[in-house]
Amino acid sequence: MKSEDRAAEIVEGAFKLLMAEGLPHVSYSSVAEAAGVKRQLVRYYFPNPDDLMLALCDKVATVYREALIQGMASRENEDRIGLFLDFYFDLLDAPRKPRDDQVYDALMSLAARSDRIKVNLRQQYTLLGHVVSHELRQQYQNIPLPVCEQISFVFVSLMYGHWKMVASLGLSEDHKHITRNAIDRLIESYKRNPAQAVCETTWKPAD
C-alpha cells in the first residue's frame, strides 16, 4: 500500500472515531484501532497529534468541495445560490451534505488550543464566505458586494450554529428549516432595500 493511501486510511479512522465517540476518546491507540493499523504506524505518519487533526480538516474540506463541484456543475440554469444554501442545510436529495457534524464540532473545540487548527478552519469558513458572496453578487447585482459579504458571514454563522446545536446538544435537524427560511428573508430584505455595509471589512481575522 502506498504511503499516502496508508495516511488516508488513518485519517479515515480518526474521522470514524470522532463521529462515533467524540473528542475525549481520540488517542493514538483509539485511532489505530479504528483504522485497523498499529499504534506505531499512526505515530509514524502523524508524530504530532495536530498533524492528524489538520489532515482531517483537509479531508472534510475536500469532501465538501467535490460534492459541490459535482452537484452544481449540472445545475447551471437553476437558482445557484438557493441550491448552494440548501446544500449546507442538507435540504437536497443530491448532492447531500456530508455527515460530519460531530467531526467539525470536535475540530472547533481543538481550535481553542491549537493556532494551526484555528487558522485552517478559519480559512475554510472564509473561503466558503467568499464563494457565497460571489454567488449572491452574481444573482442579485443590485446588492453591493460588501453587503453580500456580510450576508455570507451571517449565513455561515447561522449554518454552523445550527449544526453545532444538532451535534453537541442533540436538537432535531428539523430546525434547519427555521434558519434556512431566515436566510431567505434576510436576502429578500436586501433585494428590496440594498443597504450600505455596516463595516468596511468582513471575514477579517482579529488583530
Protein backbone atom coordinates (compact mmCIF):
# COMPACT_ATOMS: atom_id res chain seq x y z
CA MET A 1 0.00 0.00 0.00
CA LYS A 2 1.29 3.49 -0.90
CA SER A 3 2.24 5.77 1.98
CA GLU A 4 -0.41 8.35 1.01
CA ASP A 5 -3.05 5.62 0.99
CA ARG A 6 -1.96 4.45 4.43
CA ALA A 7 -2.09 8.01 5.77
CA ALA A 8 -5.57 8.48 4.26
CA GLU A 9 -6.66 5.24 5.95
CA ILE A 10 -5.51 6.61 9.32
CA VAL A 11 -7.32 9.92 8.74
CA GLU A 12 -10.48 7.98 7.86
CA GLY A 13 -10.10 6.06 11.11
CA ALA A 14 -9.88 9.32 13.05
CA PHE A 15 -13.00 10.56 11.25
CA LYS A 16 -14.99 7.44 12.15
CA LEU A 17 -13.80 7.62 15.75
CA LEU A 18 -14.89 11.24 16.21
CA MET A 19 -18.25 10.56 14.60
CA ALA A 20 -18.87 7.57 16.85
CA GLU A 21 -17.40 8.60 20.19
CA GLY A 22 -16.48 12.29 20.20
CA LEU A 23 -13.36 14.18 21.13
CA PRO A 24 -12.40 12.82 24.59
CA HIS A 25 -11.75 9.35 23.17
CA VAL A 26 -9.27 10.35 20.47
CA SER A 27 -5.79 8.97 21.09
CA TYR A 28 -3.12 7.25 19.04
CA SER A 29 -4.35 3.89 20.31
CA SER A 30 -8.03 4.56 19.58
CA VAL A 31 -7.28 5.95 16.12
CA ALA A 32 -5.10 2.92 15.36
CA GLU A 33 -7.89 0.57 16.41
CA ALA A 34 -10.47 2.46 14.31
CA ALA A 35 -8.13 2.45 11.29
CA GLY A 36 -7.14 -1.18 11.72
CA VAL A 37 -3.43 -0.39 11.99
CA LYS A 38 -0.78 -0.46 14.69
CA ARG A 39 -0.35 2.48 17.05
CA GLN A 40 3.26 2.90 15.97
CA LEU A 41 2.13 3.41 12.38
CA VAL A 42 -0.18 6.26 13.38
CA ARG A 43 2.70 7.92 15.24
CA TYR A 44 4.96 7.39 12.22
CA TYR A 45 2.67 9.22 9.81
CA PHE A 46 1.44 11.78 12.34
CA PRO A 47 4.12 12.35 15.03
CA ASN A 48 2.24 15.43 16.25
CA PRO A 49 -1.48 14.93 17.06
CA ASP A 50 -2.25 18.31 15.46
CA ASP A 51 -0.86 16.98 12.18
CA LEU A 52 -3.54 14.29 12.19
CA MET A 53 -6.29 16.77 13.01
CA LEU A 54 -5.09 19.13 10.27
CA ALA A 55 -5.17 16.26 7.79
CA LEU A 56 -8.71 15.60 8.97
CA CYS A 57 -9.58 19.29 8.38
CA ASP A 58 -8.33 18.95 4.82
CA LYS A 59 -10.24 15.71 4.31
CA VAL A 60 -13.62 17.14 5.25
CA ALA A 61 -12.98 20.30 3.20
CA THR A 62 -12.19 18.16 0.15
CA VAL A 63 -15.38 16.13 0.57
CA TYR A 64 -17.47 19.32 0.57
CA ARG A 65 -15.63 20.78 -2.41
CA GLU A 66 -16.03 17.64 -4.53
CA ALA A 67 -19.73 17.29 -3.64
CA LEU A 68 -20.42 20.89 -4.63
CA ILE A 69 -18.42 20.71 -7.86
CA GLN A 70 -20.24 17.58 -8.99
CA GLY A 71 -23.66 18.74 -7.84
CA MET A 72 -23.61 22.32 -9.10
CA ALA A 73 -21.98 21.63 -12.49
CA SER A 74 -25.20 20.09 -13.79
CA ARG A 75 -27.42 22.90 -12.49
CA GLU A 76 -26.05 25.96 -14.22
CA ASN A 77 -29.51 27.27 -15.19
CA GLU A 78 -31.07 26.82 -11.77
CA ASP A 79 -31.13 29.06 -8.70
CA ARG A 80 -27.48 28.50 -7.84
CA ILE A 81 -27.45 30.45 -4.58
CA GLY A 82 -30.61 28.67 -3.43
CA LEU A 83 -29.09 25.29 -4.25
CA PHE A 84 -25.88 26.30 -2.51
CA LEU A 85 -27.65 27.31 0.69
CA ASP A 86 -29.92 24.25 0.58
CA PHE A 87 -26.85 22.02 0.32
CA TYR A 88 -25.36 23.36 3.54
CA PHE A 89 -28.65 22.90 5.39
CA ASP A 90 -28.99 19.34 4.00
CA LEU A 91 -32.17 20.07 2.07
CA LEU A 92 -31.11 18.45 -1.23
CA ASP A 93 -31.51 14.86 -2.30
CA ALA A 94 -28.29 15.29 -4.31
CA PRO A 95 -25.67 16.38 -3.64
CA ARG A 96 -26.13 15.52 0.02
CA LYS A 97 -24.37 17.42 2.76
CA PRO A 98 -21.66 15.16 4.26
CA ARG A 99 -22.49 13.50 7.57
CA ASP A 100 -19.69 15.04 9.61
CA ASP A 101 -21.17 17.41 12.18
CA GLN A 102 -19.58 15.71 15.19
CA VAL A 103 -16.19 15.91 13.47
CA TYR A 104 -16.44 19.64 12.77
CA ASP A 105 -17.68 20.20 16.31
CA ALA A 106 -14.61 18.40 17.68
CA LEU A 107 -12.26 20.31 15.39
CA MET A 108 -13.74 23.61 16.55
CA SER A 109 -13.10 22.58 20.15
CA LEU A 110 -9.49 21.75 19.28
CA ALA A 111 -9.10 25.15 17.60
CA ALA A 112 -9.40 26.76 21.03
CA ARG A 113 -5.95 25.37 21.95
CA SER A 114 -4.26 25.00 18.56
CA ASP A 115 -3.46 28.03 16.41
CA ARG A 116 -2.75 25.77 13.44
CA ILE A 117 -6.20 24.19 13.56
CA LYS A 118 -7.79 27.59 14.21
CA VAL A 119 -6.15 29.09 11.12
CA ASN A 120 -7.07 26.10 8.97
CA LEU A 121 -10.75 26.20 9.95
CA ARG A 122 -10.90 29.99 9.68
CA GLN A 123 -9.54 29.76 6.15
CA GLN A 124 -12.11 27.11 5.27
CA TYR A 125 -15.03 29.17 6.52
CA THR A 126 -13.62 32.36 4.99
CA LEU A 127 -13.36 30.65 1.61
CA LEU A 128 -16.94 29.46 1.97
CA GLY A 129 -17.98 33.02 2.80
CA HIS A 130 -16.25 34.39 -0.30
CA VAL A 131 -17.93 31.78 -2.52
CA VAL A 132 -21.35 32.62 -1.09
CA SER A 133 -20.63 36.35 -1.54
CA HIS A 134 -19.73 35.73 -5.18
CA GLU A 135 -22.88 33.71 -5.83
CA LEU A 136 -25.05 36.35 -4.15
CA ARG A 137 -23.47 39.11 -6.20
CA GLN A 138 -23.93 37.17 -9.44
CA GLN A 139 -27.62 36.58 -8.77
CA TYR A 140 -28.54 39.89 -7.08
CA GLN A 141 -26.46 42.54 -8.78
CA ASN A 142 -28.31 45.38 -7.08
CA ILE A 143 -26.88 44.27 -3.71
CA PRO A 144 -23.40 45.81 -3.19
CA LEU A 145 -20.55 43.32 -2.80
CA PRO A 146 -19.67 44.44 0.77
CA VAL A 147 -23.27 43.72 1.77
CA CYS A 148 -23.14 40.32 0.03
CA GLU A 149 -20.05 39.59 2.13
CA GLN A 150 -21.94 40.47 5.30
CA ILE A 151 -24.87 38.26 4.29
CA SER A 152 -22.39 35.44 3.72
CA PHE A 153 -20.97 35.96 7.22
CA VAL A 154 -24.46 35.74 8.73
CA PHE A 155 -25.20 32.62 6.69
CA VAL A 156 -22.01 30.80 7.73
CA SER A 157 -22.52 31.79 11.37
CA LEU A 158 -26.12 30.57 11.43
CA MET A 159 -25.33 27.43 9.46
CA TYR A 160 -22.50 26.45 11.81
CA GLY A 161 -24.58 27.39 14.85
CA HIS A 162 -27.42 25.16 13.71
CA TRP A 163 -25.24 22.11 13.15
CA LYS A 164 -23.42 22.68 16.44
CA MET A 165 -26.78 22.64 18.25
CA VAL A 166 -27.52 19.34 16.50
CA ALA A 167 -24.09 17.78 17.04
CA SER A 168 -23.40 19.00 20.60
CA LEU A 169 -26.83 19.44 22.16
CA GLY A 170 -28.85 16.85 20.29
CA LEU A 171 -31.52 19.14 18.89
CA SER A 172 -33.51 17.89 15.92
CA GLU A 173 -32.11 18.55 12.46
CA ASP A 174 -35.59 19.80 11.54
CA HIS A 175 -34.62 23.17 13.00
CA LYS A 176 -32.67 23.70 9.76
CA HIS A 177 -35.91 24.84 8.14
CA ILE A 178 -36.16 27.74 10.60
CA THR A 179 -32.66 29.02 9.86
CA ARG A 180 -32.85 28.39 6.12
CA ASN A 181 -36.08 30.40 5.90
CA ALA A 182 -34.48 33.19 7.93
CA ILE A 183 -31.66 33.41 5.36
CA ASP A 184 -34.25 33.75 2.58
CA ARG A 185 -35.98 36.58 4.45
CA LEU A 186 -32.65 38.31 5.03
CA ILE A 187 -31.73 38.16 1.35
CA GLU A 188 -35.21 39.33 0.36
CA SER A 189 -34.91 42.36 2.63
CA TYR A 190 -31.66 43.37 0.93
CA LYS A 191 -33.15 42.82 -2.53
CA ARG A 192 -35.94 45.28 -1.70
CA ASN A 193 -33.64 47.77 0.02
CA PRO A 194 -29.95 47.35 -0.87
CA ALA A 195 -28.04 48.61 2.14
CA GLN A 196 -24.61 50.00 2.69
CA ALA A 197 -22.15 47.82 4.56
CA VAL A 198 -22.15 48.39 8.30
CA CYS A 199 -18.37 47.88 8.44
CA GLU A 200 -15.59 48.21 5.91
CA THR A 201 -14.25 44.68 6.08
CA THR A 202 -15.79 41.26 6.55
CA TRP A 203 -14.03 37.95 7.24
CA LYS A 204 -11.09 39.82 8.76
CA PRO A 205 -9.05 37.97 11.44
CA ALA A 206 -8.68 39.64 14.82
CA ASP A 207 -5.68 41.92 15.20
